[in-house]
Amino acid sequence: MVTTLAIDCGGGGIKASVLDEAGTMRARPLRVPTPYPLPPALFVKTLLDLSARLPAADRLTVGMPGMIRHGVVVATPHYVTRSGPRSKIVPELLAEWSGYDARTALAEAFGVPALVLNDAEVHGAGVVAGTGCELVLTLGTGLGSALFDGGVLAPHLELSHAPVRWGTTYDTYVGEPERRRLGDAFWSRRIRQVVDGLRPVFRWDRLYLGGGNARLIRPEQLARMGDDVVVVPNTAGIVGGVRAWDLAAGRHGAAA
């Protein structure tokens, strides 16, 4: 039986567990706060320290925020800052993270094969049915997104950085600071407006809303979004760590 160490790296916390081939957790998930400032070396050490408290595994899946291509960090929004999301960007950290080969670094550090994807992509791997066009939006510190077609993971788009209105990005428009400022009722209405605006862009067969804040969407707003919109558990960010290997392989095969 192949076991997978799945690590879900967010702006505020890093969670991990070990999964069997069916995606069932074989250990209670652990969480530590994301340390800042966070150069790549400390990132690797934090993941190693966390994994030392869990059973050994045969391979590693890491989901992290930002644009990740073939395991290499093109850009990451939080880890280049001084003290976390929306704090000052540190030029030295920006340079260290840009082009950082996270997959190779983690595979060498852990001594097992590694897969590094955007965190919303791993989250989506845990919930998609594998048929039709399926969009995953994760609501937390900001907005994460992943698109699947017939169970194949599409190239990542940083939807979170696109302007939604008045020059404000989706990250800022529906992220955690705005939820706190607006309150859950007004924030839920804003989520519905975002869903309505994205519907003609993606024409999804199903939209999954996940992440830590999805459970806070008010039922009356969720009902108005339609039967093709589903809220999924935040644990998908970990349990998707097994299926992500198959879906990522499908993407690479389709591109070959």
C-alpha atoms as a PDB file:
ATOM      1  CA  MET A   1       0.000   0.000   0.000  1.00  0.00           C
ATOM      2  CA  VAL A   2       1.329   3.410  -1.048  1.00  0.00           C
ATOM      3  CA  THR A   3       0.900   6.090   1.599  1.00  0.00           C
ATOM      4  CA  THR A   4       0.932   9.833   0.965  1.00  0.00           C
ATOM      5  CA  LEU A   5       1.999  12.656   3.245  1.00  0.00           C
ATOM      6  CA  ALA A   6      -0.374  15.492   2.279  1.00  0.00           C
ATOM      7  CA  ILE A   7       0.458  19.033   3.380  1.00  0.00           C
ATOM      8  CA  ASP A   8      -1.923  21.947   2.860  1.00  0.00           C
ATOM      9  CA  CYS A   9      -0.007  25.228   3.117  1.00  0.00           C
ATOM     10  CA  GLY A  10      -2.037  28.389   3.648  1.00  0.00           C
ATOM     11  CA  GLY A  11      -1.365  31.987   4.489  1.00  0.00           C
ATOM     12  CA  GLY A  12      -2.252  31.504   8.154  1.00  0.00           C
ATOM     13  CA  GLY A  13      -1.592  27.849   8.843  1.00  0.00           C
ATOM     14  CA  ILE A  14      -0.041  24.642   7.532  1.00  0.00           C
ATOM     15  CA  LYS A  15      -1.957  21.356   7.947  1.00  0.00           C
ATOM     16  CA  ALA A  16      -0.777  17.802   7.311  1.00  0.00           C
ATOM     17  CA  SER A  17      -1.801  14.173   7.566  1.00  0.00           C
ATOM     18  CA  VAL A  18      -0.855  10.781   6.105  1.00  0.00           C
ATOM     19  CA  LEU A  19      -3.334   9.099   3.750  1.00  0.00           C
ATOM     20  CA  ASP A  20      -3.763   5.582   2.460  1.00  0.00           C
ATOM     21  CA  GLU A  21      -4.483   4.737  -1.191  1.00  0.00           C
ATOM     22  CA  ALA A  22      -8.202   5.395  -0.703  1.00  0.00           C
ATOM     23  CA  GLY A  23      -7.516   8.894   0.652  1.00  0.00           C
ATOM     24  CA  THR A  24      -8.409   7.940   4.224  1.00  0.00           C
ATOM     25  CA  MET A  25      -6.401   9.681   6.934  1.00  0.00           C
ATOM     26  CA  ARG A  26      -4.171   7.277   8.834  1.00  0.00           C
ATOM     27  CA  ALA A  27      -3.272   9.912  11.422  1.00  0.00           C
ATOM     28  CA  ARG A  28      -5.027  12.824  13.061  1.00  0.00           C
ATOM     29  CA  PRO A  29      -4.313  15.958  11.005  1.00  0.00           C
ATOM     30  CA  LEU A  30      -1.849  18.378  12.567  1.00  0.00           C
ATOM     31  CA  ARG A  31      -1.688  22.151  12.160  1.00  0.00           C
ATOM     32  CA  VAL A  32       0.970  24.766  12.858  1.00  0.00           C
ATOM     33  CA  PRO A  33       0.848  28.523  12.235  1.00  0.00           C
ATOM     34  CA  THR A  34       2.613  29.659   9.079  1.00  0.00           C
ATOM     35  CA  PRO A  35       5.839  31.333  10.267  1.00  0.00           C
ATOM     36  CA  TYR A  36       6.886  34.750   8.954  1.00  0.00           C
ATOM     37  CA  PRO A  37       9.070  35.920   7.411  1.00  0.00           C
ATOM     38  CA  LEU A  38       9.233  32.669   5.425  1.00  0.00           C
ATOM     39  CA  PRO A  39      12.212  32.100   3.121  1.00  0.00           C
ATOM     40  CA  PRO A  40      12.197  28.801   1.185  1.00  0.00           C
ATOM     41  CA  ALA A  41      14.684  27.160   3.575  1.00  0.00           C
ATOM     42  CA  LEU A  42      12.407  27.801   6.564  1.00  0.00           C
ATOM     43  CA  PHE A  43       9.416  26.612   4.523  1.00  0.00           C
ATOM     44  CA  VAL A  44      11.117  23.250   3.928  1.00  0.00           C
ATOM     45  CA  LYS A  45      12.197  22.997   7.569  1.00  0.00           C
ATOM     46  CA  THR A  46       8.663  23.764   8.796  1.00  0.00           C
ATOM     47  CA  LEU A  47       7.249  20.971   6.636  1.00  0.00           C
ATOM     48  CA  LEU A  48       9.948  18.560   7.782  1.00  0.00           C
ATOM     49  CA  ASP A  49       9.316  19.357  11.452  1.00  0.00           C
ATOM     50  CA  LEU A  50       5.576  18.881  10.992  1.00  0.00           C
ATOM     51  CA  SER A  51       6.001  15.577   9.173  1.00  0.00           C
ATOM     52  CA  ALA A  52       8.271  14.256  11.927  1.00  0.00           C
ATOM     53  CA  ARG A  53       5.175  14.106  14.152  1.00  0.00           C
ATOM     54  CA  LEU A  54       3.340  11.886  11.642  1.00  0.00           C
ATOM     55  CA  PRO A  55       3.852   8.309  10.368  1.00  0.00           C
ATOM     56  CA  ALA A  56       6.364   7.813   7.541  1.00  0.00           C
ATOM     57  CA  ALA A  57       4.946   7.963   3.998  1.00  0.00           C
ATOM     58  CA  ASP A  58       6.001   6.809   0.534  1.00  0.00           C
ATOM     59  CA  ARG A  59       5.385  10.084  -1.280  1.00  0.00           C
ATOM     60  CA  LEU A  60       4.582  13.733  -0.639  1.00  0.00           C
ATOM     61  CA  THR A  61       1.878  16.090  -1.905  1.00  0.00           C
ATOM     62  CA  VAL A  62       2.125  19.795  -1.103  1.00  0.00           C
ATOM     63  CA  GLY A  63      -0.478  22.412  -1.957  1.00  0.00           C
ATOM     64  CA  MET A  64       0.639  26.022  -1.606  1.00  0.00           C
ATOM     65  CA  PRO A  65      -0.767  29.417  -2.567  1.00  0.00           C
ATOM     66  CA  GLY A  66       0.271  31.061  -5.790  1.00  0.00           C
ATOM     67  CA  MET A  67       1.186  30.202  -9.364  1.00  0.00           C
ATOM     68  CA  ILE A  68       2.994  26.867  -9.443  1.00  0.00           C
ATOM     69  CA  ARG A  69       4.132  25.390 -12.763  1.00  0.00           C
ATOM     70  CA  HIS A  70       5.649  21.910 -12.876  1.00  0.00           C
ATOM     71  CA  GLY A  71       6.556  22.207  -9.207  1.00  0.00           C
ATOM     72  CA  VAL A  72       8.316  25.555  -9.668  1.00  0.00           C
ATOM     73  CA  VAL A  73       7.048  28.711  -7.946  1.00  0.00           C
ATOM     74  CA  VAL A  74       6.261  31.407 -10.499  1.00  0.00           C
ATOM     75  CA  ALA A  75       4.741  33.655  -7.814  1.00  0.00           C
ATOM     76  CA  THR A  76       3.385  33.228  -4.299  1.00  0.00           C
ATOM     77  CA  PRO A  77       1.411  36.030  -2.638  1.00  0.00           C
ATOM     78  CA  HIS A  78       1.908  35.508   1.100  1.00  0.00           C
ATOM     79  CA  TYR A  79       5.325  33.961   1.582  1.00  0.00           C
ATOM     80  CA  VAL A  80       7.129  36.974   0.125  1.00  0.00           C
ATOM     81  CA  THR A  81       5.808  39.268   2.872  1.00  0.00           C
ATOM     82  CA  ARG A  82       7.300  40.385   6.162  1.00  0.00           C
ATOM     83  CA  SER A  83       4.543  39.202   8.510  1.00  0.00           C
ATOM     84  CA  GLY A  84       1.879  37.417   6.468  1.00  0.00           C
ATOM     85  CA  PRO A  85      -0.981  38.190   4.078  1.00  0.00           C
ATOM     86  CA  ARG A  86      -1.268  41.837   3.024  1.00  0.00           C
ATOM     87  CA  SER A  87       1.812  42.934   4.943  1.00  0.00           C
ATOM     88  CA  LYS A  88       4.830  44.553   3.293  1.00  0.00           C
ATOM     89  CA  ILE A  89       6.584  42.614   0.532  1.00  0.00           C
ATOM     90  CA  VAL A  90      10.256  41.901   1.226  1.00  0.00           C
ATOM     91  CA  PRO A  91      12.348  42.216  -1.982  1.00  0.00           C
ATOM     92  CA  GLU A  92      14.820  39.564  -0.836  1.00  0.00           C
ATOM     93  CA  LEU A  93      12.014  37.050  -0.256  1.00  0.00           C
ATOM     94  CA  LEU A  94      10.444  37.914  -3.597  1.00  0.00           C
ATOM     95  CA  ALA A  95      13.748  37.096  -5.292  1.00  0.00           C
ATOM     96  CA  GLU A  96      14.214  33.845  -3.337  1.00  0.00           C
ATOM     97  CA  TRP A  97      10.745  32.514  -4.109  1.00  0.00           C
ATOM     98  CA  SER A  98      10.638  33.532  -7.779  1.00  0.00           C
ATOM     99  CA  GLY A  99      11.616  30.470  -9.815  1.00  0.00           C
ATOM    100  CA  TYR A 100      12.109  28.321  -6.701  1.00  0.00           C
ATOM    101  CA  ASP A 101      11.981  24.616  -7.616  1.00  0.00           C
ATOM    102  CA  ALA A 102       9.857  23.521  -4.675  1.00  0.00           C
ATOM    103  CA  ARG A 103       9.221  20.023  -5.988  1.00  0.00           C
ATOM    104  CA  THR A 104      12.909  19.178  -6.334  1.00  0.00           C
ATOM    105  CA  ALA A 105      13.817  20.793  -2.997  1.00  0.00           C
ATOM    106  CA  LEU A 106      11.095  18.919  -1.113  1.00  0.00           C
ATOM    107  CA  ALA A 107      11.783  15.599  -2.843  1.00  0.00           C
ATOM    108  CA  GLU A 108      15.440  15.869  -1.811  1.00  0.00           C
ATOM    109  CA  ALA A 109      14.631  16.981   1.733  1.00  0.00           C
ATOM    110  CA  PHE A 110      12.054  14.230   2.347  1.00  0.00           C
ATOM    111  CA  GLY A 111      13.742  11.520   0.298  1.00  0.00           C
ATOM    112  CA  VAL A 112      10.479  10.559  -1.476  1.00  0.00           C
ATOM    113  CA  PRO A 113       8.758  11.537  -4.753  1.00  0.00           C
ATOM    114  CA  ALA A 114       7.025  14.905  -4.377  1.00  0.00           C
ATOM    115  CA  LEU A 115       4.151  16.682  -6.098  1.00  0.00           C
ATOM    116  CA  VAL A 116       3.721  20.430  -5.587  1.00  0.00           C
ATOM    117  CA  LEU A 117       0.579  22.156  -6.849  1.00  0.00           C
ATOM    118  CA  ASN A 118      -1.498  25.225  -6.122  1.00  0.00           C
ATOM    119  CA  ASP A 119      -3.476  24.566  -2.937  1.00  0.00           C
ATOM    120  CA  ALA A 120      -6.856  24.982  -4.667  1.00  0.00           C
ATOM    121  CA  GLU A 121      -5.838  22.340  -7.204  1.00  0.00           C
ATOM    122  CA  VAL A 122      -5.133  19.815  -4.445  1.00  0.00           C
ATOM    123  CA  HIS A 123      -8.400  20.810  -2.773  1.00  0.00           C
ATOM    124  CA  GLY A 124     -10.235  20.232  -6.038  1.00  0.00           C
ATOM    125  CA  ALA A 125      -8.640  16.829  -6.522  1.00  0.00           C
ATOM    126  CA  GLY A 126     -10.397  15.744  -3.359  1.00  0.00           C
ATOM    127  CA  VAL A 127     -13.904  16.699  -4.519  1.00  0.00           C
ATOM    128  CA  VAL A 128     -14.348  16.673  -8.311  1.00  0.00           C
ATOM    129  CA  ALA A 129     -16.474  13.944  -9.864  1.00  0.00           C
ATOM    130  CA  GLY A 130     -14.260  13.691 -12.938  1.00  0.00           C
ATOM    131  CA  THR A 131     -17.004  14.399 -15.484  1.00  0.00           C
ATOM    132  CA  GLY A 132     -17.764  17.604 -17.335  1.00  0.00           C
ATOM    133  CA  CYS A 133     -16.363  21.041 -16.568  1.00  0.00           C
ATOM    134  CA  GLU A 134     -15.814  21.501 -12.836  1.00  0.00           C
ATOM    135  CA  LEU A 135     -14.611  24.696 -11.178  1.00  0.00           C
ATOM    136  CA  VAL A 136     -13.286  24.838  -7.612  1.00  0.00           C
ATOM    137  CA  LEU A 137     -13.134  28.114  -5.657  1.00  0.00           C
ATOM    138  CA  THR A 138     -11.549  28.136  -2.205  1.00  0.00           C
ATOM    139  CA  LEU A 139     -12.472  30.895   0.230  1.00  0.00           C
ATOM    140  CA  GLY A 140      -9.954  31.700   2.942  1.00  0.00           C
ATOM    141  CA  THR A 141      -7.246  34.322   3.275  1.00  0.00           C
ATOM    142  CA  GLY A 142      -8.046  35.142  -0.343  1.00  0.00           C
ATOM    143  CA  LEU A 143      -9.592  33.317  -3.286  1.00  0.00           C
ATOM    144  CA  GLY A 144      -8.120  30.149  -4.786  1.00  0.00           C
ATOM    145  CA  SER A 145      -9.270  28.501  -8.001  1.00  0.00           C
ATOM    146  CA  ALA A 146      -8.801  25.319 -10.018  1.00  0.00           C
ATOM    147  CA  LEU A 147     -10.475  24.111 -13.210  1.00  0.00           C
ATOM    148  CA  PHE A 148     -11.002  20.477 -14.242  1.00  0.00           C
ATOM    149  CA  ASP A 149     -12.336  19.130 -17.547  1.00  0.00           C
ATOM    150  CA  GLY A 150     -13.304  15.465 -17.556  1.00  0.00           C
ATOM    151  CA  GLY A 151     -11.182  14.957 -14.475  1.00  0.00           C
ATOM    152  CA  VAL A 152      -8.092  16.489 -16.106  1.00  0.00           C
ATOM    153  CA  LEU A 153      -6.516  19.435 -14.306  1.00  0.00           C
ATOM    154  CA  ALA A 154      -6.292  22.516 -16.544  1.00  0.00           C
ATOM    155  CA  PRO A 155      -3.334  24.917 -16.477  1.00  0.00           C
ATOM    156  CA  HIS A 156      -3.591  27.157 -13.434  1.00  0.00           C
ATOM    157  CA  LEU A 157      -4.996  30.659 -13.733  1.00  0.00           C
ATOM    158  CA  GLU A 158      -4.502  33.170 -10.909  1.00  0.00           C
ATOM    159  CA  LEU A 159      -8.091  34.365 -10.942  1.00  0.00           C
ATOM    160  CA  SER A 160      -7.534  35.840  -7.482  1.00  0.00           C
ATOM    161  CA  HIS A 161      -5.378  38.635  -8.947  1.00  0.00           C
ATOM    162  CA  ALA A 162      -7.899  39.700 -11.585  1.00  0.00           C
ATOM    163  CA  PRO A 163      -9.827  42.939 -10.919  1.00  0.00           C
ATOM    164  CA  VAL A 164     -13.462  42.427 -10.003  1.00  0.00           C
ATOM    165  CA  ARG A 165     -14.610  46.048  -9.571  1.00  0.00           C
ATOM    166  CA  TRP A 166     -13.060  49.489  -9.037  1.00  0.00           C
ATOM    167  CA  GLY A 167      -9.604  47.964  -9.497  1.00  0.00           C
ATOM    168  CA  THR A 168     -10.108  45.655  -6.508  1.00  0.00           C
ATOM    169  CA  THR A 169      -8.918  42.047  -6.999  1.00  0.00           C
ATOM    170  CA  TYR A 170     -10.966  38.987  -6.118  1.00  0.00           C
ATOM    171  CA  ASP A 171      -8.448  38.256  -3.348  1.00  0.00           C
ATOM    172  CA  THR A 172      -9.250  41.549  -1.673  1.00  0.00           C
ATOM    173  CA  TYR A 173     -12.949  41.580  -2.573  1.00  0.00           C
ATOM    174  CA  VAL A 174     -13.891  38.275  -0.910  1.00  0.00           C
ATOM    175  CA  GLY A 175     -10.866  37.499   1.314  1.00  0.00           C
ATOM    176  CA  GLU A 176     -10.896  37.089   5.070  1.00  0.00           C
ATOM    177  CA  PRO A 177     -10.305  40.777   5.946  1.00  0.00           C
ATOM    178  CA  GLU A 178     -13.401  41.769   3.949  1.00  0.00           C
ATOM    179  CA  ARG A 179     -15.478  39.017   5.542  1.00  0.00           C
ATOM    180  CA  ARG A 180     -14.560  40.352   8.967  1.00  0.00           C
ATOM    181  CA  ARG A 181     -15.300  43.919   7.927  1.00  0.00           C
ATOM    182  CA  LEU A 182     -18.625  43.170   6.259  1.00  0.00           C
ATOM    183  CA  GLY A 183     -19.941  40.381   8.470  1.00  0.00           C
ATOM    184  CA  ASP A 184     -21.083  37.007   7.164  1.00  0.00           C
ATOM    185  CA  ALA A 185     -24.444  38.183   5.796  1.00  0.00           C
ATOM    186  CA  PHE A 186     -23.099  40.926   3.505  1.00  0.00           C
ATOM    187  CA  TRP A 187     -20.010  38.862   2.640  1.00  0.00           C
ATOM    188  CA  SER A 188     -22.240  35.927   1.606  1.00  0.00           C
ATOM    189  CA  ARG A 189     -24.159  38.244  -0.702  1.00  0.00           C
ATOM    190  CA  ARG A 190     -20.846  39.308  -2.220  1.00  0.00           C
ATOM    191  CA  ILE A 191     -19.879  35.658  -2.803  1.00  0.00           C
ATOM    192  CA  ARG A 192     -23.157  35.120  -4.648  1.00  0.00           C
ATOM    193  CA  GLN A 193     -22.443  38.158  -6.823  1.00  0.00           C
ATOM    194  CA  VAL A 194     -19.003  36.752  -7.673  1.00  0.00           C
ATOM    195  CA  VAL A 195     -20.524  33.377  -8.574  1.00  0.00           C
ATOM    196  CA  ASP A 196     -23.134  35.066 -10.776  1.00  0.00           C
ATOM    197  CA  GLY A 197     -20.402  37.066 -12.509  1.00  0.00           C
ATOM    198  CA  LEU A 198     -18.191  34.039 -13.179  1.00  0.00           C
ATOM    199  CA  ARG A 199     -20.959  31.760 -14.441  1.00  0.00           C
ATOM    200  CA  PRO A 200     -20.959  33.070 -18.061  1.00  0.00           C
ATOM    201  CA  VAL A 201     -17.134  32.983 -18.077  1.00  0.00           C
ATOM    202  CA  PHE A 202     -16.721  29.293 -17.187  1.00  0.00           C
ATOM    203  CA  ARG A 203     -20.108  27.717 -17.993  1.00  0.00           C
ATOM    204  CA  TRP A 204     -19.307  25.013 -15.456  1.00  0.00           C
ATOM    205  CA  ASP A 205     -21.279  21.815 -15.004  1.00  0.00           C
ATOM    206  CA  ARG A 206     -20.567  22.069 -11.292  1.00  0.00           C
ATOM    207  CA  LEU A 207     -18.969  24.654  -9.021  1.00  0.00           C
ATOM    208  CA  TYR A 208     -17.457  23.597  -5.701  1.00  0.00           C
ATOM    209  CA  LEU A 209     -16.973  26.176  -2.938  1.00  0.00           C
ATOM    210  CA  GLY A 210     -14.339  25.089  -0.425  1.00  0.00           C
ATOM    211  CA  GLY A 211     -11.747  26.504   1.935  1.00  0.00           C
ATOM    212  CA  GLY A 212     -12.123  27.473   5.553  1.00  0.00           C
ATOM    213  CA  ASN A 213     -14.728  30.191   4.944  1.00  0.00           C
ATOM    214  CA  ALA A 214     -17.087  28.308   2.617  1.00  0.00           C
ATOM    215  CA  ARG A 215     -19.031  26.969   5.605  1.00  0.00           C
ATOM    216  CA  LEU A 216     -19.855  30.564   6.584  1.00  0.00           C
ATOM    217  CA  ILE A 217     -21.893  31.270   3.448  1.00  0.00           C
ATOM    218  CA  ARG A 218     -25.476  31.940   4.509  1.00  0.00           C
ATOM    219  CA  PRO A 219     -27.963  29.247   3.383  1.00  0.00           C
ATOM    220  CA  GLU A 220     -30.287  31.737   1.718  1.00  0.00           C
ATOM    221  CA  GLN A 221     -27.457  33.030  -0.485  1.00  0.00           C
ATOM    222  CA  LEU A 222     -26.257  29.518  -1.307  1.00  0.00           C
ATOM    223  CA  ALA A 223     -29.788  28.540  -2.351  1.00  0.00           C
ATOM    224  CA  ARG A 224     -29.903  31.469  -4.787  1.00  0.00           C
ATOM    225  CA  MET A 225     -26.674  30.327  -6.478  1.00  0.00           C
ATOM    226  CA  GLY A 226     -28.344  27.251  -8.007  1.00  0.00           C
ATOM    227  CA  ASP A 227     -28.246  23.466  -7.733  1.00  0.00           C
ATOM    228  CA  ASP A 228     -24.936  23.305  -9.607  1.00  0.00           C
ATOM    229  CA  VAL A 229     -23.092  25.060  -6.724  1.00  0.00           C
ATOM    230  CA  VAL A 230     -21.956  22.871  -3.813  1.00  0.00           C
ATOM    231  CA  VAL A 231     -20.108  23.642  -0.579  1.00  0.00           C
ATOM    232  CA  VAL A 232     -17.413  21.050   0.225  1.00  0.00           C
ATOM    233  CA  PRO A 233     -15.392  20.385   3.420  1.00  0.00           C
ATOM    234  CA  ASN A 234     -12.102  22.151   4.010  1.00  0.00           C
ATOM    235  CA  THR A 235     -10.471  18.757   4.720  1.00  0.00           C
ATOM    236  CA  ALA A 236     -10.400  18.259   0.941  1.00  0.00           C
ATOM    237  CA  GLY A 237      -7.180  20.285   0.965  1.00  0.00           C
ATOM    238  CA  ILE A 238      -5.546  17.273   2.626  1.00  0.00           C
ATOM    239  CA  VAL A 239      -7.520  14.291   1.340  1.00  0.00           C
ATOM    240  CA  GLY A 240      -7.002  15.463  -2.248  1.00  0.00           C
ATOM    241  CA  GLY A 241      -3.316  14.711  -1.779  1.00  0.00           C
ATOM    242  CA  VAL A 242      -3.743  11.158  -3.070  1.00  0.00           C
ATOM    243  CA  ARG A 243      -5.966  11.788  -6.087  1.00  0.00           C
ATOM    244  CA  ALA A 244      -3.894  14.799  -7.117  1.00  0.00           C
ATOM    245  CA  TRP A 245      -1.232  12.404  -8.432  1.00  0.00           C
ATOM    246  CA  ASP A 246      -3.672  10.842 -10.916  1.00  0.00           C
ATOM    247  CA  LEU A 247      -5.242  14.136 -11.994  1.00  0.00           C
ATOM    248  CA  ALA A 248      -1.886  15.850 -12.455  1.00  0.00           C
ATOM    249  CA  ALA A 249      -0.715  12.860 -14.508  1.00  0.00           C
ATOM    250  CA  GLY A 250      -3.806  13.281 -16.662  1.00  0.00           C
ATOM    251  CA  ARG A 251      -2.927  16.913 -17.318  1.00  0.00           C
ATOM    252  CA  HIS A 252       0.639  16.070 -18.303  1.00  0.00           C
ATOM    253  CA  GLY A 253      -0.587  13.229 -20.511  1.00  0.00           C
ATOM    254  CA  ALA A 254      -3.071  15.500 -22.251  1.00  0.00           C
ATOM    255  CA  ALA A 255      -0.325  18.037 -22.912  1.00  0.00           C
ATOM    256  CA  ALA A 256       2.101  15.457 -24.285  1.00  0.00           C
END
